[in-house]
Amino acid sequence: FFVVPLIVGWSMVALGLHYPVDVMGGLILGMLGVGGSFAATTWIL
């Protein structure tokens, strides 16, 4: 499943819409967002 965001990031740079560091920031933020939400839900519920 993680191949998809890598291809999306590659596409965004190839299309001239983002810098590589923007892609890396998105990769980290996406994992932290869902991982953090999952951890918080498990801790609370």
PDB file of all heavy atoms in Angstrom:
ATOM      1  N   PHE A   1       0.834  -1.207   0.000  1.00  0.00           N
ATOM      2  CA  PHE A   1       0.000   0.000   0.000  1.00  0.00           C
ATOM      3  C   PHE A   1       0.867   1.255   0.000  1.00  0.00           C
ATOM      4  O   PHE A   1       0.475   2.297  -0.525  1.00  0.00           O
ATOM      5  CB  PHE A   1      -0.924   0.011   1.224  1.00  0.00           C
ATOM      6  CG  PHE A   1      -2.058  -0.970   1.140  1.00  0.00           C
ATOM      7  CD1 PHE A   1      -2.178  -2.002   2.057  1.00  0.00           C
ATOM      8  CD2 PHE A   1      -3.015  -0.869   0.140  1.00  0.00           C
ATOM      9  CE1 PHE A   1      -3.220  -2.908   1.984  1.00  0.00           C
ATOM     10  CE2 PHE A   1      -4.065  -1.771   0.053  1.00  0.00           C
ATOM     11  CZ  PHE A   1      -4.169  -2.791   0.975  1.00  0.00           C
ATOM     12  N   PHE A   2       2.065   1.160   0.587  1.00  0.00           N
ATOM     13  CA  PHE A   2       2.918   2.333   0.697  1.00  0.00           C
ATOM     14  C   PHE A   2       3.630   2.660  -0.612  1.00  0.00           C
ATOM     15  O   PHE A   2       4.276   3.708  -0.714  1.00  0.00           O
ATOM     16  CB  PHE A   2       3.930   2.141   1.833  1.00  0.00           C
ATOM     17  CG  PHE A   2       3.280   2.171   3.187  1.00  0.00           C
ATOM     18  CD1 PHE A   2       2.964   0.989   3.847  1.00  0.00           C
ATOM     19  CD2 PHE A   2       2.953   3.375   3.783  1.00  0.00           C
ATOM     20  CE1 PHE A   2       2.344   1.012   5.083  1.00  0.00           C
ATOM     21  CE2 PHE A   2       2.339   3.413   5.024  1.00  0.00           C
ATOM     22  CZ  PHE A   2       2.037   2.231   5.681  1.00  0.00           C
ATOM     23  N   VAL A   3       3.489   1.798  -1.612  1.00  0.00           N
ATOM     24  CA  VAL A   3       4.006   2.134  -2.941  1.00  0.00           C
ATOM     25  C   VAL A   3       3.200   3.292  -3.528  1.00  0.00           C
ATOM     26  O   VAL A   3       3.734   4.135  -4.254  1.00  0.00           O
ATOM     27  CB  VAL A   3       3.960   0.900  -3.866  1.00  0.00           C
ATOM     28  CG1 VAL A   3       4.329   1.279  -5.302  1.00  0.00           C
ATOM     29  CG2 VAL A   3       4.890  -0.191  -3.352  1.00  0.00           C
ATOM     30  N   VAL A   4       1.911   3.349  -3.187  1.00  0.00           N
ATOM     31  CA  VAL A   4       1.036   4.388  -3.751  1.00  0.00           C
ATOM     32  C   VAL A   4       1.507   5.795  -3.403  1.00  0.00           C
ATOM     33  O   VAL A   4       1.681   6.629  -4.306  1.00  0.00           O
ATOM     34  CB  VAL A   4      -0.428   4.163  -3.317  1.00  0.00           C
ATOM     35  CG1 VAL A   4      -1.308   5.324  -3.770  1.00  0.00           C
ATOM     36  CG2 VAL A   4      -0.947   2.850  -3.886  1.00  0.00           C
ATOM     37  N   PRO A   5       1.730   6.133  -2.114  1.00  0.00           N
ATOM     38  CA  PRO A   5       2.206   7.493  -1.847  1.00  0.00           C
ATOM     39  C   PRO A   5       3.565   7.803  -2.467  1.00  0.00           C
ATOM     40  O   PRO A   5       3.832   8.962  -2.819  1.00  0.00           O
ATOM     41  CB  PRO A   5       2.270   7.561  -0.315  1.00  0.00           C
ATOM     42  CG  PRO A   5       2.233   6.162   0.160  1.00  0.00           C
ATOM     43  CD  PRO A   5       1.461   5.409  -0.862  1.00  0.00           C
ATOM     44  N   LEU A   6       4.414   6.799  -2.637  1.00  0.00           N
ATOM     45  CA  LEU A   6       5.697   7.036  -3.289  1.00  0.00           C
ATOM     46  C   LEU A   6       5.502   7.418  -4.753  1.00  0.00           C
ATOM     47  O   LEU A   6       6.156   8.326  -5.270  1.00  0.00           O
ATOM     48  CB  LEU A   6       6.585   5.795  -3.175  1.00  0.00           C
ATOM     49  CG  LEU A   6       7.050   5.426  -1.758  1.00  0.00           C
ATOM     50  CD1 LEU A   6       7.842   4.129  -1.800  1.00  0.00           C
ATOM     51  CD2 LEU A   6       7.874   6.545  -1.147  1.00  0.00           C
ATOM     52  N   ILE A   7       4.569   6.723  -5.424  1.00  0.00           N
ATOM     53  CA  ILE A   7       4.285   7.061  -6.824  1.00  0.00           C
ATOM     54  C   ILE A   7       3.619   8.429  -6.922  1.00  0.00           C
ATOM     55  O   ILE A   7       3.914   9.221  -7.823  1.00  0.00           O
ATOM     56  CB  ILE A   7       3.389   5.980  -7.471  1.00  0.00           C
ATOM     57  CG1 ILE A   7       4.126   4.643  -7.519  1.00  0.00           C
ATOM     58  CG2 ILE A   7       2.975   6.407  -8.871  1.00  0.00           C
ATOM     59  CD1 ILE A   7       3.292   3.502  -8.043  1.00  0.00           C
ATOM     60  N   VAL A   8       2.726   8.725  -5.984  1.00  0.00           N
ATOM     61  CA  VAL A   8       2.084  10.039  -5.970  1.00  0.00           C
ATOM     62  C   VAL A   8       3.133  11.130  -5.784  1.00  0.00           C
ATOM     63  O   VAL A   8       3.120  12.156  -6.476  1.00  0.00           O
ATOM     64  CB  VAL A   8       1.013  10.110  -4.864  1.00  0.00           C
ATOM     65  CG1 VAL A   8       0.474  11.545  -4.725  1.00  0.00           C
ATOM     66  CG2 VAL A   8      -0.136   9.159  -5.164  1.00  0.00           C
ATOM     67  N   GLY A   9       4.061  10.915  -4.847  1.00  0.00           N
ATOM     68  CA  GLY A   9       5.111  11.902  -4.631  1.00  0.00           C
ATOM     69  C   GLY A   9       5.994  12.086  -5.854  1.00  0.00           C
ATOM     70  O   GLY A   9       6.337  13.221  -6.227  1.00  0.00           O
ATOM     71  N   TRP A  10       6.361  10.992  -6.474  1.00  0.00           N
ATOM     72  CA  TRP A  10       7.146  11.035  -7.713  1.00  0.00           C
ATOM     73  C   TRP A  10       6.392  11.829  -8.782  1.00  0.00           C
ATOM     74  O   TRP A  10       6.976  12.676  -9.474  1.00  0.00           O
ATOM     75  CB  TRP A  10       7.420   9.604  -8.151  1.00  0.00           C
ATOM     76  CG  TRP A  10       8.183   9.422  -9.428  1.00  0.00           C
ATOM     77  CD1 TRP A  10       8.891  10.361 -10.125  1.00  0.00           C
ATOM     78  CD2 TRP A  10       8.312   8.196 -10.166  1.00  0.00           C
ATOM     79  NE1 TRP A  10       9.453   9.802 -11.249  1.00  0.00           N
ATOM     80  CE2 TRP A  10       9.113   8.477 -11.301  1.00  0.00           C
ATOM     81  CE3 TRP A  10       7.837   6.904  -9.972  1.00  0.00           C
ATOM     82  CZ2 TRP A  10       9.434   7.501 -12.241  1.00  0.00           C
ATOM     83  CZ3 TRP A  10       8.167   5.930 -10.913  1.00  0.00           C
ATOM     84  CH2 TRP A  10       8.948   6.230 -12.025  1.00  0.00           C
ATOM     85  N   SER A  11       5.095  11.579  -8.888  1.00  0.00           N
ATOM     86  CA  SER A  11       4.275  12.287  -9.876  1.00  0.00           C
ATOM     87  C   SER A  11       4.227  13.785  -9.596  1.00  0.00           C
ATOM     88  O   SER A  11       4.322  14.608 -10.519  1.00  0.00           O
ATOM     89  CB  SER A  11       2.859  11.714  -9.877  1.00  0.00           C
ATOM     90  OG  SER A  11       2.850  10.345 -10.220  1.00  0.00           O
ATOM     91  N   MET A  12       4.090  14.158  -8.323  1.00  0.00           N
ATOM     92  CA  MET A  12       3.987  15.573  -7.971  1.00  0.00           C
ATOM     93  C   MET A  12       5.268  16.327  -8.319  1.00  0.00           C
ATOM     94  O   MET A  12       5.216  17.468  -8.779  1.00  0.00           O
ATOM     95  CB  MET A  12       3.676  15.716  -6.482  1.00  0.00           C
ATOM     96  CG  MET A  12       2.368  15.066  -6.038  1.00  0.00           C
ATOM     97  SD  MET A  12       0.919  15.652  -6.947  1.00  0.00           S
ATOM     98  CE  MET A  12       0.759  17.303  -6.273  1.00  0.00           C
ATOM     99  N   VAL A  13       6.421  15.685  -8.102  1.00  0.00           N
ATOM    100  CA  VAL A  13       7.689  16.323  -8.463  1.00  0.00           C
ATOM    101  C   VAL A  13       7.843  16.371  -9.986  1.00  0.00           C
ATOM    102  O   VAL A  13       8.243  17.393 -10.558  1.00  0.00           O
ATOM    103  CB  VAL A  13       8.879  15.586  -7.825  1.00  0.00           C
ATOM    104  CG1 VAL A  13      10.205  16.205  -8.276  1.00  0.00           C
ATOM    105  CG2 VAL A  13       8.780  15.629  -6.300  1.00  0.00           C
ATOM    106  N   ALA A  14       7.493  15.270 -10.663  1.00  0.00           N
ATOM    107  CA  ALA A  14       7.621  15.211 -12.122  1.00  0.00           C
ATOM    108  C   ALA A  14       6.728  16.230 -12.811  1.00  0.00           C
ATOM    109  O   ALA A  14       7.092  16.786 -13.857  1.00  0.00           O
ATOM    110  CB  ALA A  14       7.291  13.802 -12.612  1.00  0.00           C
ATOM    111  N   LEU A  15       5.554  16.499 -12.237  1.00  0.00           N
ATOM    112  CA  LEU A  15       4.629  17.461 -12.832  1.00  0.00           C
ATOM    113  C   LEU A  15       4.976  18.902 -12.472  1.00  0.00           C
ATOM    114  O   LEU A  15       4.291  19.829 -12.903  1.00  0.00           O
ATOM    115  CB  LEU A  15       3.200  17.144 -12.371  1.00  0.00           C
ATOM    116  CG  LEU A  15       2.606  15.830 -12.885  1.00  0.00           C
ATOM    117  CD1 LEU A  15       1.288  15.530 -12.189  1.00  0.00           C
ATOM    118  CD2 LEU A  15       2.421  15.867 -14.399  1.00  0.00           C
ATOM    119  N   GLY A  16       6.016  19.085 -11.678  1.00  0.00           N
ATOM    120  CA  GLY A  16       6.425  20.431 -11.309  1.00  0.00           C
ATOM    121  C   GLY A  16       5.528  21.070 -10.276  1.00  0.00           C
ATOM    122  O   GLY A  16       5.381  22.292 -10.239  1.00  0.00           O
ATOM    123  N   LEU A  17       4.910  20.265  -9.403  1.00  0.00           N
ATOM    124  CA  LEU A  17       3.983  20.787  -8.404  1.00  0.00           C
ATOM    125  C   LEU A  17       4.575  20.815  -6.992  1.00  0.00           C
ATOM    126  O   LEU A  17       4.048  21.512  -6.128  1.00  0.00           O
ATOM    127  CB  LEU A  17       2.701  19.945  -8.399  1.00  0.00           C
ATOM    128  CG  LEU A  17       1.912  19.961  -9.704  1.00  0.00           C
ATOM    129  CD1 LEU A  17       0.751  18.962  -9.633  1.00  0.00           C
ATOM    130  CD2 LEU A  17       1.371  21.357  -9.985  1.00  0.00           C
ATOM    131  N   HIS A  18       5.645  20.052  -6.777  1.00  0.00           N
ATOM    132  CA  HIS A  18       6.239  20.001  -5.440  1.00  0.00           C
ATOM    133  C   HIS A  18       7.735  19.738  -5.516  1.00  0.00           C
ATOM    134  O   HIS A  18       8.247  19.188  -6.498  1.00  0.00           O
ATOM    135  CB  HIS A  18       5.583  18.907  -4.588  1.00  0.00           C
ATOM    136  CG  HIS A  18       4.300  19.329  -3.966  1.00  0.00           C
ATOM    137  ND1 HIS A  18       4.234  20.206  -2.903  1.00  0.00           N
ATOM    138  CD2 HIS A  18       3.019  19.010  -4.254  1.00  0.00           C
ATOM    139  CE1 HIS A  18       2.962  20.397  -2.564  1.00  0.00           C
ATOM    140  NE2 HIS A  18       2.211  19.690  -3.379  1.00  0.00           N
ATOM    141  N   TYR A  19       8.419  20.125  -4.440  1.00  0.00           N
ATOM    142  CA  TYR A  19       9.819  19.798  -4.246  1.00  0.00           C
ATOM    143  C   TYR A  19       9.923  18.440  -3.538  1.00  0.00           C
ATOM    144  O   TYR A  19       8.977  18.015  -2.851  1.00  0.00           O
ATOM    145  CB  TYR A  19      10.502  20.847  -3.371  1.00  0.00           C
ATOM    146  CG  TYR A  19      10.500  22.248  -3.925  1.00  0.00           C
ATOM    147  CD1 TYR A  19       9.505  23.163  -3.580  1.00  0.00           C
ATOM    148  CD2 TYR A  19      11.517  22.671  -4.782  1.00  0.00           C
ATOM    149  CE1 TYR A  19       9.512  24.459  -4.073  1.00  0.00           C
ATOM    150  CE2 TYR A  19      11.539  23.970  -5.277  1.00  0.00           C
ATOM    151  CZ  TYR A  19      10.535  24.860  -4.920  1.00  0.00           C
ATOM    152  OH  TYR A  19      10.547  26.131  -5.412  1.00  0.00           O
ATOM    153  N   PRO A  20      11.058  17.760  -3.638  1.00  0.00           N
ATOM    154  CA  PRO A  20      11.213  16.477  -2.937  1.00  0.00           C
ATOM    155  C   PRO A  20      10.983  16.558  -1.437  1.00  0.00           C
ATOM    156  O   PRO A  20      10.403  15.650  -0.841  1.00  0.00           O
ATOM    157  CB  PRO A  20      12.653  16.082  -3.262  1.00  0.00           C
ATOM    158  CG  PRO A  20      12.905  16.681  -4.607  1.00  0.00           C
ATOM    159  CD  PRO A  20      12.187  18.003  -4.574  1.00  0.00           C
ATOM    160  N   VAL A  21      11.421  17.642  -0.794  1.00  0.00           N
ATOM    161  CA  VAL A  21      11.226  17.742   0.649  1.00  0.00           C
ATOM    162  C   VAL A  21       9.749  17.860   1.002  1.00  0.00           C
ATOM    163  O   VAL A  21       9.320  17.428   2.079  1.00  0.00           O
ATOM    164  CB  VAL A  21      12.029  18.926   1.236  1.00  0.00           C
ATOM    165  CG1 VAL A  21      11.404  20.266   0.889  1.00  0.00           C
ATOM    166  CG2 VAL A  21      12.189  18.774   2.745  1.00  0.00           C
ATOM    167  N   ASP A  22       8.941  18.414   0.110  1.00  0.00           N
ATOM    168  CA  ASP A  22       7.488  18.474   0.339  1.00  0.00           C
ATOM    169  C   ASP A  22       6.899  17.072   0.369  1.00  0.00           C
ATOM    170  O   ASP A  22       5.987  16.782   1.150  1.00  0.00           O
ATOM    171  CB  ASP A  22       6.800  19.279  -0.766  1.00  0.00           C
ATOM    172  CG  ASP A  22       7.380  20.668  -0.932  1.00  0.00           C
ATOM    173  OD1 ASP A  22       7.864  21.235   0.059  1.00  0.00           O
ATOM    174  OD2 ASP A  22       7.357  21.187  -2.068  1.00  0.00           O
ATOM    175  N   VAL A  23       7.430  16.209  -0.504  1.00  0.00           N
ATOM    176  CA  VAL A  23       6.983  14.818  -0.544  1.00  0.00           C
ATOM    177  C   VAL A  23       7.348  14.104   0.757  1.00  0.00           C
ATOM    178  O   VAL A  23       6.528  13.400   1.354  1.00  0.00           O
ATOM    179  CB  VAL A  23       7.606  14.095  -1.757  1.00  0.00           C
ATOM    180  CG1 VAL A  23       7.313  12.598  -1.707  1.00  0.00           C
ATOM    181  CG2 VAL A  23       7.086  14.704  -3.057  1.00  0.00           C
ATOM    182  N   MET A  24       8.580  14.304   1.194  1.00  0.00           N
ATOM    183  CA  MET A  24       9.025  13.647   2.420  1.00  0.00           C
ATOM    184  C   MET A  24       8.221  14.134   3.626  1.00  0.00           C
ATOM    185  O   MET A  24       7.858  13.355   4.513  1.00  0.00           O
ATOM    186  CB  MET A  24      10.523  13.887   2.616  1.00  0.00           C
ATOM    187  CG  MET A  24      11.357  13.291   1.495  1.00  0.00           C
ATOM    188  SD  MET A  24      13.118  13.648   1.617  1.00  0.00           S
ATOM    189  CE  MET A  24      13.582  12.545   2.945  1.00  0.00           C
ATOM    190  N   GLY A  25       7.937  15.423   3.658  1.00  0.00           N
ATOM    191  CA  GLY A  25       7.098  15.951   4.729  1.00  0.00           C
ATOM    192  C   GLY A  25       5.715  15.335   4.719  1.00  0.00           C
ATOM    193  O   GLY A  25       5.149  15.010   5.772  1.00  0.00           O
ATOM    194  N   GLY A  26       5.137  15.151   3.526  1.00  0.00           N
ATOM    195  CA  GLY A  26       3.818  14.522   3.416  1.00  0.00           C
ATOM    196  C   GLY A  26       3.829  13.081   3.861  1.00  0.00           C
ATOM    197  O   GLY A  26       2.880  12.611   4.509  1.00  0.00           O
ATOM    198  N   LEU A  27       4.885  12.347   3.517  1.00  0.00           N
ATOM    199  CA  LEU A  27       5.006  10.947   3.952  1.00  0.00           C
ATOM    200  C   LEU A  27       5.006  10.848   5.479  1.00  0.00           C
ATOM    201  O   LEU A  27       4.296  10.020   6.067  1.00  0.00           O
ATOM    202  CB  LEU A  27       6.284  10.331   3.385  1.00  0.00           C
ATOM    203  CG  LEU A  27       6.335  10.077   1.877  1.00  0.00           C
ATOM    204  CD1 LEU A  27       7.750   9.717   1.447  1.00  0.00           C
ATOM    205  CD2 LEU A  27       5.362   8.981   1.468  1.00  0.00           C
ATOM    206  N   ILE A  28       5.787  11.712   6.112  1.00  0.00           N
ATOM    207  CA  ILE A  28       5.874  11.677   7.573  1.00  0.00           C
ATOM    208  C   ILE A  28       4.546  12.086   8.198  1.00  0.00           C
ATOM    209  O   ILE A  28       4.044  11.429   9.118  1.00  0.00           O
ATOM    210  CB  ILE A  28       7.006  12.592   8.060  1.00  0.00           C
ATOM    211  CG1 ILE A  28       8.360  12.075   7.584  1.00  0.00           C
ATOM    212  CG2 ILE A  28       6.992  12.705   9.581  1.00  0.00           C
ATOM    213  CD1 ILE A  28       9.513  13.034   7.824  1.00  0.00           C
ATOM    214  N   LEU A  29       3.959  13.171   7.705  1.00  0.00           N
ATOM    215  CA  LEU A  29       2.728  13.675   8.304  1.00  0.00           C
ATOM    216  C   LEU A  29       1.583  12.686   8.161  1.00  0.00           C
ATOM    217  O   LEU A  29       0.787  12.503   9.093  1.00  0.00           O
ATOM    218  CB  LEU A  29       2.357  15.015   7.669  1.00  0.00           C
ATOM    219  CG  LEU A  29       1.122  15.710   8.245  1.00  0.00           C
ATOM    220  CD1 LEU A  29       1.314  15.999   9.734  1.00  0.00           C
ATOM    221  CD2 LEU A  29       0.838  16.999   7.479  1.00  0.00           C
ATOM    222  N   GLY A  30       1.472  12.033   6.999  1.00  0.00           N
ATOM    223  CA  GLY A  30       0.404  11.069   6.803  1.00  0.00           C
ATOM    224  C   GLY A  30       0.507   9.902   7.763  1.00  0.00           C
ATOM    225  O   GLY A  30      -0.493   9.456   8.341  1.00  0.00           O
ATOM    226  N   MET A  31       1.740   9.401   7.968  1.00  0.00           N
ATOM    227  CA  MET A  31       1.924   8.295   8.912  1.00  0.00           C
ATOM    228  C   MET A  31       1.670   8.731  10.343  1.00  0.00           C
ATOM    229  O   MET A  31       1.021   8.022  11.121  1.00  0.00           O
ATOM    230  CB  MET A  31       3.339   7.728   8.763  1.00  0.00           C
ATOM    231  CG  MET A  31       3.535   6.917   7.492  1.00  0.00           C
ATOM    232  SD  MET A  31       5.109   6.027   7.422  1.00  0.00           S
ATOM    233  CE  MET A  31       6.209   7.372   7.019  1.00  0.00           C
ATOM    234  N   LEU A  32       2.140   9.916  10.708  1.00  0.00           N
ATOM    235  CA  LEU A  32       1.923  10.405  12.067  1.00  0.00           C
ATOM    236  C   LEU A  32       0.440  10.664  12.331  1.00  0.00           C
ATOM    237  O   LEU A  32      -0.054  10.406  13.431  1.00  0.00           O
ATOM    238  CB  LEU A  32       2.717  11.691  12.292  1.00  0.00           C
ATOM    239  CG  LEU A  32       4.240  11.556  12.413  1.00  0.00           C
ATOM    240  CD1 LEU A  32       4.879  12.946  12.566  1.00  0.00           C
ATOM    241  CD2 LEU A  32       4.615  10.679  13.596  1.00  0.00           C
ATOM    242  N   GLY A  33      -0.271  11.166  11.316  1.00  0.00           N
ATOM    243  CA  GLY A  33      -1.688  11.480  11.506  1.00  0.00           C
ATOM    244  C   GLY A  33      -2.513  10.255  11.842  1.00  0.00           C
ATOM    245  O   GLY A  33      -3.221  10.223  12.848  1.00  0.00           O
ATOM    246  N   VAL A  34      -2.401   9.210  11.010  1.00  0.00           N
ATOM    247  CA  VAL A  34      -3.208   8.005  11.242  1.00  0.00           C
ATOM    248  C   VAL A  34      -2.630   7.184  12.391  1.00  0.00           C
ATOM    249  O   VAL A  34      -3.381   6.661  13.224  1.00  0.00           O
ATOM    250  CB  VAL A  34      -3.292   7.163   9.959  1.00  0.00           C
ATOM    251  CG1 VAL A  34      -4.002   5.839  10.217  1.00  0.00           C
ATOM    252  CG2 VAL A  34      -4.040   7.945   8.882  1.00  0.00           C
ATOM    253  N   GLY A  35      -1.297   7.091  12.459  1.00  0.00           N
ATOM    254  CA  GLY A  35      -0.692   6.355  13.567  1.00  0.00           C
ATOM    255  C   GLY A  35      -1.023   6.980  14.908  1.00  0.00           C
ATOM    256  O   GLY A  35      -1.353   6.281  15.874  1.00  0.00           O
ATOM    257  N   GLY A  36      -0.964   8.306  14.984  1.00  0.00           N
ATOM    258  CA  GLY A  36      -1.303   8.996  16.224  1.00  0.00           C
ATOM    259  C   GLY A  36      -2.769   8.857  16.573  1.00  0.00           C
ATOM    260  O   GLY A  36      -3.129   8.665  17.745  1.00  0.00           O
ATOM    261  N   SER A  37      -3.644   8.938  15.570  1.00  0.00           N
ATOM    262  CA  SER A  37      -5.075   8.770  15.814  1.00  0.00           C
ATOM    263  C   SER A  37      -5.390   7.365  16.304  1.00  0.00           C
ATOM    264  O   SER A  37      -6.200   7.173  17.221  1.00  0.00           O
ATOM    265  CB  SER A  37      -5.856   9.074  14.526  1.00  0.00           C
ATOM    266  OG  SER A  37      -7.238   8.886  14.711  1.00  0.00           O
ATOM    267  N   PHE A  38      -4.736   6.363  15.697  1.00  0.00           N
ATOM    268  CA  PHE A  38      -4.940   4.975  16.111  1.00  0.00           C
ATOM    269  C   PHE A  38      -4.468   4.767  17.548  1.00  0.00           C
ATOM    270  O   PHE A  38      -5.140   4.126  18.355  1.00  0.00           O
ATOM    271  CB  PHE A  38      -4.189   4.040  15.162  1.00  0.00           C
ATOM    272  CG  PHE A  38      -4.359   2.580  15.461  1.00  0.00           C
ATOM    273  CD1 PHE A  38      -5.511   1.910  15.099  1.00  0.00           C
ATOM    274  CD2 PHE A  38      -3.361   1.882  16.114  1.00  0.00           C
ATOM    275  CE1 PHE A  38      -5.671   0.560  15.387  1.00  0.00           C
ATOM    276  CE2 PHE A  38      -3.505   0.530  16.396  1.00  0.00           C
ATOM    277  CZ  PHE A  38      -4.667  -0.126  16.035  1.00  0.00           C
ATOM    278  N   ALA A  39      -3.292   5.324  17.886  1.00  0.00           N
ATOM    279  CA  ALA A  39      -2.766   5.178  19.245  1.00  0.00           C
ATOM    280  C   ALA A  39      -3.683   5.870  20.258  1.00  0.00           C
ATOM    281  O   ALA A  39      -3.945   5.328  21.339  1.00  0.00           O
ATOM    282  CB  ALA A  39      -1.354   5.757  19.314  1.00  0.00           C
ATOM    283  N   ALA A  40      -4.180   7.060  19.910  1.00  0.00           N
ATOM    284  CA  ALA A  40      -5.057   7.788  20.829  1.00  0.00           C
ATOM    285  C   ALA A  40      -6.375   7.048  21.036  1.00  0.00           C
ATOM    286  O   ALA A  40      -6.885   6.955  22.158  1.00  0.00           O
ATOM    287  CB  ALA A  40      -5.315   9.192  20.285  1.00  0.00           C
ATOM    288  N   THR A  41      -6.923   6.510  19.953  1.00  0.00           N
ATOM    289  CA  THR A  41      -8.186   5.767  20.067  1.00  0.00           C
ATOM    290  C   THR A  41      -7.998   4.518  20.912  1.00  0.00           C
ATOM    291  O   THR A  41      -8.852   4.190  21.755  1.00  0.00           O
ATOM    292  CB  THR A  41      -8.688   5.373  18.658  1.00  0.00           C
ATOM    293  OG1 THR A  41      -8.853   6.551  17.873  1.00  0.00           O
ATOM    294  CG2 THR A  41     -10.019   4.647  18.748  1.00  0.00           C
ATOM    295  N   THR A  42      -6.891   3.819  20.733  1.00  0.00           N
ATOM    296  CA  THR A  42      -6.621   2.628  21.531  1.00  0.00           C
ATOM    297  C   THR A  42      -6.435   2.979  23.000  1.00  0.00           C
ATOM    298  O   THR A  42      -6.911   2.269  23.890  1.00  0.00           O
ATOM    299  CB  THR A  42      -5.350   1.915  21.004  1.00  0.00           C
ATOM    300  OG1 THR A  42      -5.557   1.541  19.637  1.00  0.00           O
ATOM    301  CG2 THR A  42      -5.042   0.662  21.815  1.00  0.00           C
ATOM    302  N   TRP A  43      -5.763   4.096  23.258  1.00  0.00           N
ATOM    303  CA  TRP A  43      -5.529   4.526  24.637  1.00  0.00           C
ATOM    304  C   TRP A  43      -6.832   4.919  25.332  1.00  0.00           C
ATOM    305  O   TRP A  43      -7.054   4.602  26.493  1.00  0.00           O
ATOM    306  CB  TRP A  43      -4.556   5.698  24.646  1.00  0.00           C
ATOM    307  CG  TRP A  43      -4.219   6.192  26.019  1.00  0.00           C
ATOM    308  CD1 TRP A  43      -3.517   5.538  26.995  1.00  0.00           C
ATOM    309  CD2 TRP A  43      -4.582   7.463  26.581  1.00  0.00           C
ATOM    310  NE1 TRP A  43      -3.419   6.319  28.119  1.00  0.00           N
ATOM    311  CE2 TRP A  43      -4.063   7.506  27.898  1.00  0.00           C
ATOM    312  CE3 TRP A  43      -5.288   8.566  26.089  1.00  0.00           C
ATOM    313  CZ2 TRP A  43      -4.235   8.609  28.738  1.00  0.00           C
ATOM    314  CZ3 TRP A  43      -5.455   9.674  26.928  1.00  0.00           C
ATOM    315  CH2 TRP A  43      -4.945   9.683  28.220  1.00  0.00           C
ATOM    316  N   ILE A  44      -7.718   5.596  24.595  1.00  0.00           N
ATOM    317  CA  ILE A  44      -8.975   6.075  25.195  1.00  0.00           C
ATOM    318  C   ILE A  44     -10.025   4.970  25.277  1.00  0.00           C
ATOM    319  O   ILE A  44     -10.668   4.777  26.319  1.00  0.00           O
ATOM    320  CB  ILE A  44      -9.534   7.269  24.385  1.00  0.00           C
ATOM    321  CG1 ILE A  44      -8.574   8.460  24.488  1.00  0.00           C
ATOM    322  CG2 ILE A  44     -10.917   7.660  24.887  1.00  0.00           C
ATOM    323  CD1 ILE A  44      -8.915   9.594  23.537  1.00  0.00           C
ATOM    324  N   LEU A  45     -10.197   4.204  24.185  1.00  0.00           N
ATOM    325  CA  LEU A  45     -11.267   3.212  24.113  1.00  0.00           C
ATOM    326  C   LEU A  45     -10.796   1.794  24.367  1.00  0.00           C
ATOM    327  O   LEU A  45     -11.617   0.892  24.539  1.00  0.00           O
ATOM    328  CB  LEU A  45     -11.946   3.280  22.736  1.00  0.00           C
ATOM    329  CG  LEU A  45     -12.570   4.631  22.360  1.00  0.00           C
ATOM    330  CD1 LEU A  45     -13.143   4.575  20.960  1.00  0.00           C
ATOM    331  CD2 LEU A  45     -13.646   5.032  23.370  1.00  0.00           C
TER     332      LEU A  45
END
